[in-house]
Every structure is written in C-alpha cells, then in structure tokens.
Amino acid sequence: MEERDLEKLKEYFGVHHTIFTSKAWEELQKREYQIGPEALLDEIIEKRLWTNEEIAWVLRRLIYYYGQKNTYLKDAPIERVFLNMVDILRAFFLLFDQLDPDIDDNMRTYICSKLADATWGVNSRTREYVHKIREKKQPS
C-alpha cells in the first residue's frame, strides 16, 4: 500500500496524526533498534534542542523507568526524584498552556484521572494523612 493510500485510510477512519504516527517517529524507532535505547537516550540528551519526537521518546522512557515497581530509582535521593518530577511537570504545564489542545472527552477523562491520582499528598485530605504519619515517626 502506498503512503498516499495509507493517509487516505487514516483520514477515512478518523485516525489522527500524532507524533507516534509520523515518519520522524518511525525513524527514531529504527535508530533505537540500531543503537539501543541507552545510546539513543545519551544521544538525545547531548543535544540542546530536541524534536517533538525526541521529547515524546524521552517522556516514554521516563514513564518506563518511573513506572517500574522494583526500580533502582527507589534508592535515588528523594530530593533528586522530586526535582525530576517538578521538571517534568513544568514542561507539561508549558506545553499545555502553549498548545491549549482540543482534547476529546475520553482522553480528557484519562488525563484528569491521572492528574487526580497524582494529587495524593497534595490535596487537603491526603496531606493531613501525611502529617499524621510524620507525627508518628517523630519521637515525643
């Protein structure tokens, strides 16, 4: 099937153009398979400016590492992990503000659900729980 026909099919079935459906993403995936994910990550972070595909690839890599239950990141200094998360949140905030994306309800529901889960320890109810835990740990 030719590229033009594939594009018509995507349009017909309502498949949106995303970073993950782009030619540049395919090329990045091929590069990852050629040199390995660690080498590609090193290659990307050496650069000052990244493409959108490289940004998405790094975010996917971060999700992979931070999503592991038995990750060695649990041994990392907690301050460093928090700084990493703040950096990610700042980048997401800037993108969201700049793009003001038109998101369908299913995607919006997913994003809202994940952000709501991420407020654990920040909202008043769970923050009180964290304070109680801290008080129990402190010697009287």
N, C-alpha and C. Protein backbone atom coordinates (compact mmCIF):
# COMPACT_ATOMS: atom_id res chain seq x y z
N MET A 1 0.85 -1.17 0.00
CA MET A 1 0.00 0.00 0.00
C MET A 1 0.90 1.24 0.00
N GLU A 2 0.57 2.17 -0.84
CA GLU A 2 1.37 3.38 -0.94
C GLU A 2 1.06 4.33 0.22
N GLU A 3 2.00 5.20 0.49
CA GLU A 3 1.87 6.17 1.58
C GLU A 3 0.60 7.00 1.42
N ARG A 4 0.30 7.42 0.20
CA ARG A 4 -0.88 8.25 -0.07
C ARG A 4 -2.15 7.49 0.29
N ASP A 5 -2.21 6.21 -0.05
CA ASP A 5 -3.38 5.40 0.26
C ASP A 5 -3.53 5.20 1.76
N LEU A 6 -2.41 5.02 2.43
CA LEU A 6 -2.43 4.86 3.88
C LEU A 6 -2.96 6.13 4.54
N GLU A 7 -2.56 7.28 4.05
CA GLU A 7 -3.04 8.55 4.59
C GLU A 7 -4.54 8.69 4.39
N LYS A 8 -5.04 8.27 3.23
CA LYS A 8 -6.48 8.33 2.96
C LYS A 8 -7.24 7.43 3.93
N LEU A 9 -6.71 6.23 4.18
CA LEU A 9 -7.34 5.31 5.12
C LEU A 9 -7.38 5.89 6.53
N LYS A 10 -6.28 6.48 6.96
CA LYS A 10 -6.23 7.10 8.29
C LYS A 10 -7.26 8.21 8.39
N GLU A 11 -7.36 9.01 7.35
CA GLU A 11 -8.33 10.11 7.34
C GLU A 11 -9.76 9.56 7.36
N TYR A 12 -10.02 8.53 6.58
CA TYR A 12 -11.34 7.92 6.49
C TYR A 12 -11.79 7.36 7.83
N PHE A 13 -10.89 6.67 8.53
CA PHE A 13 -11.23 6.05 9.80
C PHE A 13 -11.04 6.97 10.99
N GLY A 14 -10.68 8.22 10.75
CA GLY A 14 -10.56 9.18 11.82
C GLY A 14 -9.33 9.00 12.68
N VAL A 15 -8.29 8.38 12.13
CA VAL A 15 -7.04 8.23 12.87
C VAL A 15 -6.30 9.56 12.80
N HIS A 16 -6.11 10.16 13.94
CA HIS A 16 -5.48 11.47 13.99
C HIS A 16 -3.98 11.35 13.77
N HIS A 17 -3.44 12.38 13.19
CA HIS A 17 -1.99 12.44 13.04
C HIS A 17 -1.40 12.81 14.39
N THR A 18 -0.51 11.98 14.86
CA THR A 18 0.16 12.24 16.13
C THR A 18 1.65 12.06 15.90
N ILE A 19 2.40 12.36 16.92
CA ILE A 19 3.84 12.13 16.86
C ILE A 19 4.12 10.66 16.57
N PHE A 20 3.33 9.78 17.18
CA PHE A 20 3.58 8.34 17.06
C PHE A 20 3.22 7.78 15.69
N THR A 21 2.50 8.54 14.88
CA THR A 21 2.18 8.08 13.53
C THR A 21 3.06 8.77 12.48
N SER A 22 3.99 9.59 12.93
CA SER A 22 4.81 10.35 12.00
C SER A 22 5.99 9.53 11.47
N LYS A 23 6.49 9.95 10.33
CA LYS A 23 7.66 9.33 9.72
C LYS A 23 8.89 9.53 10.62
N ALA A 24 8.99 10.72 11.22
CA ALA A 24 10.13 11.00 12.10
C ALA A 24 10.14 10.06 13.31
N TRP A 25 8.95 9.69 13.82
CA TRP A 25 8.88 8.74 14.93
C TRP A 25 9.37 7.37 14.48
N GLU A 26 8.96 6.97 13.30
CA GLU A 26 9.42 5.68 12.76
C GLU A 26 10.94 5.66 12.65
N GLU A 27 11.52 6.75 12.18
CA GLU A 27 12.97 6.84 12.05
C GLU A 27 13.65 6.77 13.42
N LEU A 28 13.05 7.42 14.39
CA LEU A 28 13.60 7.38 15.75
C LEU A 28 13.54 5.97 16.32
N GLN A 29 12.44 5.26 16.05
CA GLN A 29 12.31 3.87 16.49
C GLN A 29 13.38 2.99 15.84
N LYS A 30 13.61 3.20 14.55
CA LYS A 30 14.64 2.43 13.86
C LYS A 30 16.01 2.71 14.48
N ARG A 31 16.26 3.96 14.79
CA ARG A 31 17.54 4.34 15.41
C ARG A 31 17.68 3.65 16.77
N GLU A 32 16.60 3.60 17.54
CA GLU A 32 16.62 2.94 18.84
C GLU A 32 17.00 1.46 18.68
N TYR A 33 16.42 0.79 17.70
CA TYR A 33 16.72 -0.62 17.48
C TYR A 33 18.14 -0.84 16.98
N GLN A 34 18.68 0.14 16.27
CA GLN A 34 20.05 0.02 15.76
C GLN A 34 21.09 0.18 16.85
N ILE A 35 20.94 1.22 17.68
CA ILE A 35 21.99 1.53 18.66
C ILE A 35 21.59 1.21 20.10
N GLY A 36 20.32 0.91 20.34
CA GLY A 36 19.85 0.60 21.68
C GLY A 36 19.29 1.84 22.38
N PRO A 37 18.36 1.61 23.32
CA PRO A 37 17.70 2.74 23.98
C PRO A 37 18.64 3.59 24.84
N GLU A 38 19.61 2.97 25.48
CA GLU A 38 20.53 3.75 26.33
C GLU A 38 21.38 4.69 25.49
N ALA A 39 21.90 4.19 24.38
CA ALA A 39 22.72 5.03 23.50
C ALA A 39 21.89 6.14 22.88
N LEU A 40 20.64 5.83 22.52
CA LEU A 40 19.78 6.86 21.94
C LEU A 40 19.46 7.93 22.98
N LEU A 41 19.19 7.52 24.20
CA LEU A 41 18.93 8.50 25.26
C LEU A 41 20.14 9.40 25.45
N ASP A 42 21.32 8.82 25.51
CA ASP A 42 22.54 9.62 25.64
C ASP A 42 22.69 10.59 24.47
N GLU A 43 22.38 10.10 23.28
CA GLU A 43 22.49 10.92 22.07
C GLU A 43 21.52 12.12 22.14
N ILE A 44 20.31 11.85 22.59
CA ILE A 44 19.30 12.92 22.66
C ILE A 44 19.67 13.95 23.71
N ILE A 45 20.07 13.50 24.90
CA ILE A 45 20.35 14.49 25.96
C ILE A 45 21.61 15.30 25.72
N GLU A 46 22.44 14.85 24.81
CA GLU A 46 23.61 15.64 24.42
C GLU A 46 23.21 16.88 23.62
N LYS A 47 22.06 16.80 22.96
CA LYS A 47 21.62 17.90 22.11
C LYS A 47 20.98 19.01 22.94
N ARG A 48 21.09 20.23 22.46
CA ARG A 48 20.47 21.36 23.14
C ARG A 48 18.97 21.44 22.82
N LEU A 49 18.62 21.26 21.56
CA LEU A 49 17.23 21.30 21.12
C LEU A 49 16.81 19.92 20.63
N TRP A 50 15.65 19.50 21.07
CA TRP A 50 15.12 18.19 20.68
C TRP A 50 13.91 18.38 19.78
N THR A 51 13.67 17.41 18.93
CA THR A 51 12.45 17.42 18.11
C THR A 51 11.28 16.98 19.00
N ASN A 52 10.06 17.20 18.52
CA ASN A 52 8.89 16.74 19.26
C ASN A 52 8.93 15.23 19.45
N GLU A 53 9.41 14.53 18.44
CA GLU A 53 9.50 13.07 18.53
C GLU A 53 10.50 12.66 19.61
N GLU A 54 11.60 13.37 19.70
CA GLU A 54 12.60 13.06 20.73
C GLU A 54 12.06 13.37 22.12
N ILE A 55 11.31 14.45 22.25
CA ILE A 55 10.69 14.78 23.54
C ILE A 55 9.73 13.66 23.94
N ALA A 56 8.89 13.23 23.01
CA ALA A 56 7.94 12.15 23.30
C ALA A 56 8.67 10.86 23.63
N TRP A 57 9.77 10.57 22.94
CA TRP A 57 10.53 9.36 23.20
C TRP A 57 11.12 9.39 24.61
N VAL A 58 11.67 10.54 25.01
CA VAL A 58 12.24 10.67 26.36
C VAL A 58 11.14 10.54 27.40
N LEU A 59 9.99 11.15 27.17
CA LEU A 59 8.87 11.01 28.11
C LEU A 59 8.46 9.54 28.24
N ARG A 60 8.40 8.85 27.12
CA ARG A 60 8.06 7.42 27.16
C ARG A 60 9.09 6.64 27.97
N ARG A 61 10.35 6.99 27.81
CA ARG A 61 11.43 6.33 28.56
C ARG A 61 11.31 6.61 30.06
N LEU A 62 10.98 7.85 30.41
CA LEU A 62 10.79 8.21 31.81
C LEU A 62 9.62 7.43 32.41
N ILE A 63 8.54 7.31 31.67
CA ILE A 63 7.39 6.53 32.14
C ILE A 63 7.82 5.09 32.39
N TYR A 64 8.62 4.55 31.51
CA TYR A 64 9.11 3.17 31.66
C TYR A 64 9.88 3.02 32.97
N TYR A 65 10.83 3.90 33.22
CA TYR A 65 11.66 3.77 34.42
C TYR A 65 10.92 4.12 35.70
N TYR A 66 10.15 5.20 35.68
CA TYR A 66 9.44 5.58 36.89
C TYR A 66 8.25 4.67 37.17
N GLY A 67 7.79 3.95 36.16
CA GLY A 67 6.66 3.06 36.33
C GLY A 67 7.02 1.69 36.87
N GLN A 68 8.29 1.35 36.91
CA GLN A 68 8.70 0.04 37.41
C GLN A 68 8.57 -0.02 38.93
N LYS A 69 8.01 -1.11 39.40
CA LYS A 69 7.81 -1.27 40.85
C LYS A 69 9.13 -1.56 41.57
N ASN A 70 10.03 -2.26 40.91
CA ASN A 70 11.29 -2.67 41.55
C ASN A 70 12.47 -1.88 41.00
N THR A 71 12.25 -0.65 40.68
CA THR A 71 13.28 0.16 40.04
C THR A 71 14.39 0.56 41.02
N TYR A 72 15.55 0.72 40.49
CA TYR A 72 16.67 1.20 41.30
C TYR A 72 16.48 2.67 41.66
N LEU A 73 15.54 3.35 41.02
CA LEU A 73 15.28 4.75 41.35
C LEU A 73 14.77 4.91 42.79
N LYS A 74 14.28 3.81 43.37
CA LYS A 74 13.85 3.87 44.77
C LYS A 74 15.03 4.16 45.70
N ASP A 75 16.23 3.86 45.23
CA ASP A 75 17.43 4.12 46.03
C ASP A 75 18.01 5.50 45.76
N ALA A 76 17.44 6.21 44.80
CA ALA A 76 17.93 7.56 44.48
C ALA A 76 17.54 8.53 45.60
N PRO A 77 18.31 9.58 45.79
CA PRO A 77 17.93 10.58 46.80
C PRO A 77 16.54 11.14 46.48
N ILE A 78 15.67 11.15 47.48
CA ILE A 78 14.29 11.57 47.28
C ILE A 78 14.21 13.00 46.74
N GLU A 79 15.14 13.85 47.16
CA GLU A 79 15.14 15.24 46.67
C GLU A 79 15.35 15.27 45.15
N ARG A 80 16.24 14.40 44.66
CA ARG A 80 16.52 14.36 43.22
C ARG A 80 15.30 13.87 42.44
N VAL A 81 14.61 12.87 42.99
CA VAL A 81 13.42 12.34 42.32
C VAL A 81 12.34 13.43 42.26
N PHE A 82 12.18 14.18 43.36
CA PHE A 82 11.21 15.27 43.36
C PHE A 82 11.58 16.35 42.36
N LEU A 83 12.85 16.68 42.26
CA LEU A 83 13.29 17.67 41.27
C LEU A 83 12.99 17.19 39.85
N ASN A 84 13.21 15.90 39.61
CA ASN A 84 12.88 15.33 38.30
C ASN A 84 11.40 15.50 37.98
N MET A 85 10.55 15.19 38.96
CA MET A 85 9.11 15.30 38.75
C MET A 85 8.69 16.75 38.52
N VAL A 86 9.27 17.66 39.27
CA VAL A 86 8.96 19.08 39.09
C VAL A 86 9.35 19.53 37.68
N ASP A 87 10.50 19.09 37.21
CA ASP A 87 10.93 19.44 35.85
C ASP A 87 9.95 18.92 34.80
N ILE A 88 9.49 17.69 34.97
CA ILE A 88 8.52 17.11 34.04
C ILE A 88 7.21 17.89 34.09
N LEU A 89 6.75 18.20 35.30
CA LEU A 89 5.50 18.94 35.44
C LEU A 89 5.60 20.34 34.82
N ARG A 90 6.73 20.99 34.99
CA ARG A 90 6.91 22.32 34.37
C ARG A 90 6.84 22.22 32.86
N ALA A 91 7.50 21.22 32.30
CA ALA A 91 7.48 21.05 30.84
C ALA A 91 6.05 20.76 30.36
N PHE A 92 5.34 19.90 31.07
CA PHE A 92 3.96 19.57 30.71
C PHE A 92 3.08 20.81 30.81
N PHE A 93 3.25 21.58 31.88
CA PHE A 93 2.47 22.81 32.07
C PHE A 93 2.70 23.79 30.92
N LEU A 94 3.96 24.00 30.56
CA LEU A 94 4.28 24.93 29.47
C LEU A 94 3.68 24.46 28.15
N LEU A 95 3.78 23.17 27.86
CA LEU A 95 3.20 22.64 26.64
C LEU A 95 1.68 22.80 26.63
N PHE A 96 1.06 22.46 27.74
CA PHE A 96 -0.39 22.53 27.82
C PHE A 96 -0.86 23.97 27.67
N ASP A 97 -0.17 24.89 28.32
CA ASP A 97 -0.52 26.31 28.23
C ASP A 97 -0.33 26.83 26.81
N GLN A 98 0.78 26.49 26.21
CA GLN A 98 1.10 26.99 24.86
C GLN A 98 0.16 26.42 23.80
N LEU A 99 -0.12 25.13 23.88
CA LEU A 99 -0.90 24.46 22.84
C LEU A 99 -2.41 24.57 23.04
N ASP A 100 -2.85 24.66 24.31
CA ASP A 100 -4.28 24.66 24.63
C ASP A 100 -5.00 23.63 23.75
N PRO A 101 -4.63 22.35 23.90
CA PRO A 101 -5.12 21.34 22.96
C PRO A 101 -6.62 21.08 23.06
N ASP A 102 -7.21 20.80 21.93
CA ASP A 102 -8.60 20.37 21.87
C ASP A 102 -8.59 18.86 22.06
N ILE A 103 -8.96 18.42 23.25
CA ILE A 103 -8.84 17.01 23.62
C ILE A 103 -10.23 16.38 23.66
N ASP A 104 -10.37 15.18 23.08
CA ASP A 104 -11.67 14.52 23.15
C ASP A 104 -11.95 14.08 24.58
N ASP A 105 -13.21 13.80 24.88
CA ASP A 105 -13.62 13.51 26.25
C ASP A 105 -12.94 12.28 26.84
N ASN A 106 -12.69 11.25 26.04
CA ASN A 106 -12.02 10.05 26.56
C ASN A 106 -10.60 10.37 27.01
N MET A 107 -9.87 11.10 26.18
CA MET A 107 -8.50 11.47 26.53
C MET A 107 -8.50 12.42 27.72
N ARG A 108 -9.43 13.36 27.73
CA ARG A 108 -9.52 14.31 28.84
C ARG A 108 -9.82 13.57 30.15
N THR A 109 -10.71 12.59 30.10
CA THR A 109 -11.03 11.79 31.29
C THR A 109 -9.79 11.06 31.80
N TYR A 110 -9.03 10.47 30.88
CA TYR A 110 -7.81 9.76 31.26
C TYR A 110 -6.81 10.72 31.92
N ILE A 111 -6.58 11.86 31.30
CA ILE A 111 -5.63 12.84 31.84
C ILE A 111 -6.09 13.33 33.21
N CYS A 112 -7.38 13.64 33.33
CA CYS A 112 -7.91 14.11 34.61
C CYS A 112 -7.76 13.05 35.70
N SER A 113 -8.02 11.80 35.35
CA SER A 113 -7.88 10.71 36.30
C SER A 113 -6.45 10.58 36.79
N LYS A 114 -5.49 10.62 35.86
CA LYS A 114 -4.07 10.50 36.24
C LYS A 114 -3.62 11.69 37.08
N LEU A 115 -4.06 12.89 36.71
CA LEU A 115 -3.68 14.07 37.50
C LEU A 115 -4.32 14.04 38.88
N ALA A 116 -5.57 13.57 38.96
CA ALA A 116 -6.23 13.46 40.26
C ALA A 116 -5.48 12.47 41.15
N ASP A 117 -5.07 11.33 40.59
CA ASP A 117 -4.28 10.36 41.35
C ASP A 117 -2.97 10.98 41.83
N ALA A 118 -2.38 11.82 41.00
CA ALA A 118 -1.09 12.43 41.32
C ALA A 118 -1.20 13.51 42.40
N THR A 119 -2.42 13.90 42.75
CA THR A 119 -2.56 14.91 43.81
C THR A 119 -2.49 14.29 45.20
N TRP A 120 -2.29 12.97 45.28
CA TRP A 120 -2.18 12.32 46.58
C TRP A 120 -1.03 12.97 47.34
N GLY A 121 -1.32 13.41 48.56
CA GLY A 121 -0.31 14.08 49.37
C GLY A 121 -0.33 15.59 49.18
N VAL A 122 -1.04 16.05 48.17
CA VAL A 122 -1.13 17.48 47.89
C VAL A 122 -2.49 18.02 48.32
N ASN A 123 -3.56 17.25 48.06
CA ASN A 123 -4.88 17.74 48.46
C ASN A 123 -5.02 17.66 49.98
N SER A 124 -5.96 18.41 50.53
CA SER A 124 -6.05 18.57 52.00
C SER A 124 -6.28 17.24 52.72
N ARG A 125 -7.10 16.37 52.15
CA ARG A 125 -7.42 15.10 52.83
C ARG A 125 -6.18 14.22 52.97
N THR A 126 -5.44 14.02 51.91
CA THR A 126 -4.27 13.15 51.99
C THR A 126 -3.08 13.85 52.63
N ARG A 127 -3.04 15.18 52.55
CA ARG A 127 -1.96 15.91 53.20
C ARG A 127 -2.06 15.75 54.72
N GLU A 128 -3.28 15.74 55.25
CA GLU A 128 -3.47 15.51 56.69
C GLU A 128 -2.96 14.12 57.07
N TYR A 129 -3.20 13.14 56.22
CA TYR A 129 -2.72 11.78 56.46
C TYR A 129 -1.19 11.76 56.52
N VAL A 130 -0.55 12.45 55.59
CA VAL A 130 0.92 12.51 55.56
C VAL A 130 1.44 13.19 56.83
N HIS A 131 0.77 14.25 57.28
CA HIS A 131 1.19 14.92 58.52
C HIS A 131 1.07 13.97 59.72
N LYS A 132 0.01 13.18 59.78
CA LYS A 132 -0.16 12.23 60.88
C LYS A 132 0.95 11.18 60.86
N ILE A 133 1.32 10.71 59.69
CA ILE A 133 2.41 9.74 59.57
C ILE A 133 3.71 10.36 60.08
N ARG A 134 3.96 11.59 59.69
CA ARG A 134 5.18 12.29 60.10
C ARG A 134 5.21 12.46 61.63
N GLU A 135 4.06 12.80 62.22
CA GLU A 135 4.00 12.98 63.67
C GLU A 135 4.29 11.68 64.40
N LYS A 136 3.80 10.55 63.87
CA LYS A 136 4.04 9.26 64.50
C LYS A 136 5.52 8.88 64.45
N LYS A 137 6.21 9.31 63.40
CA LYS A 137 7.63 8.98 63.25
C LYS A 137 8.51 9.82 64.16
N GLN A 138 8.06 11.02 64.51
CA GLN A 138 8.88 11.90 65.35
C GLN A 138 8.80 11.45 66.80
N PRO A 139 9.96 11.38 67.46
CA PRO A 139 9.95 10.97 68.87
C PRO A 139 9.29 12.05 69.74
N SER A 140 8.58 11.60 70.74
CA SER A 140 7.88 12.54 71.64
C SER A 140 8.79 13.11 72.68
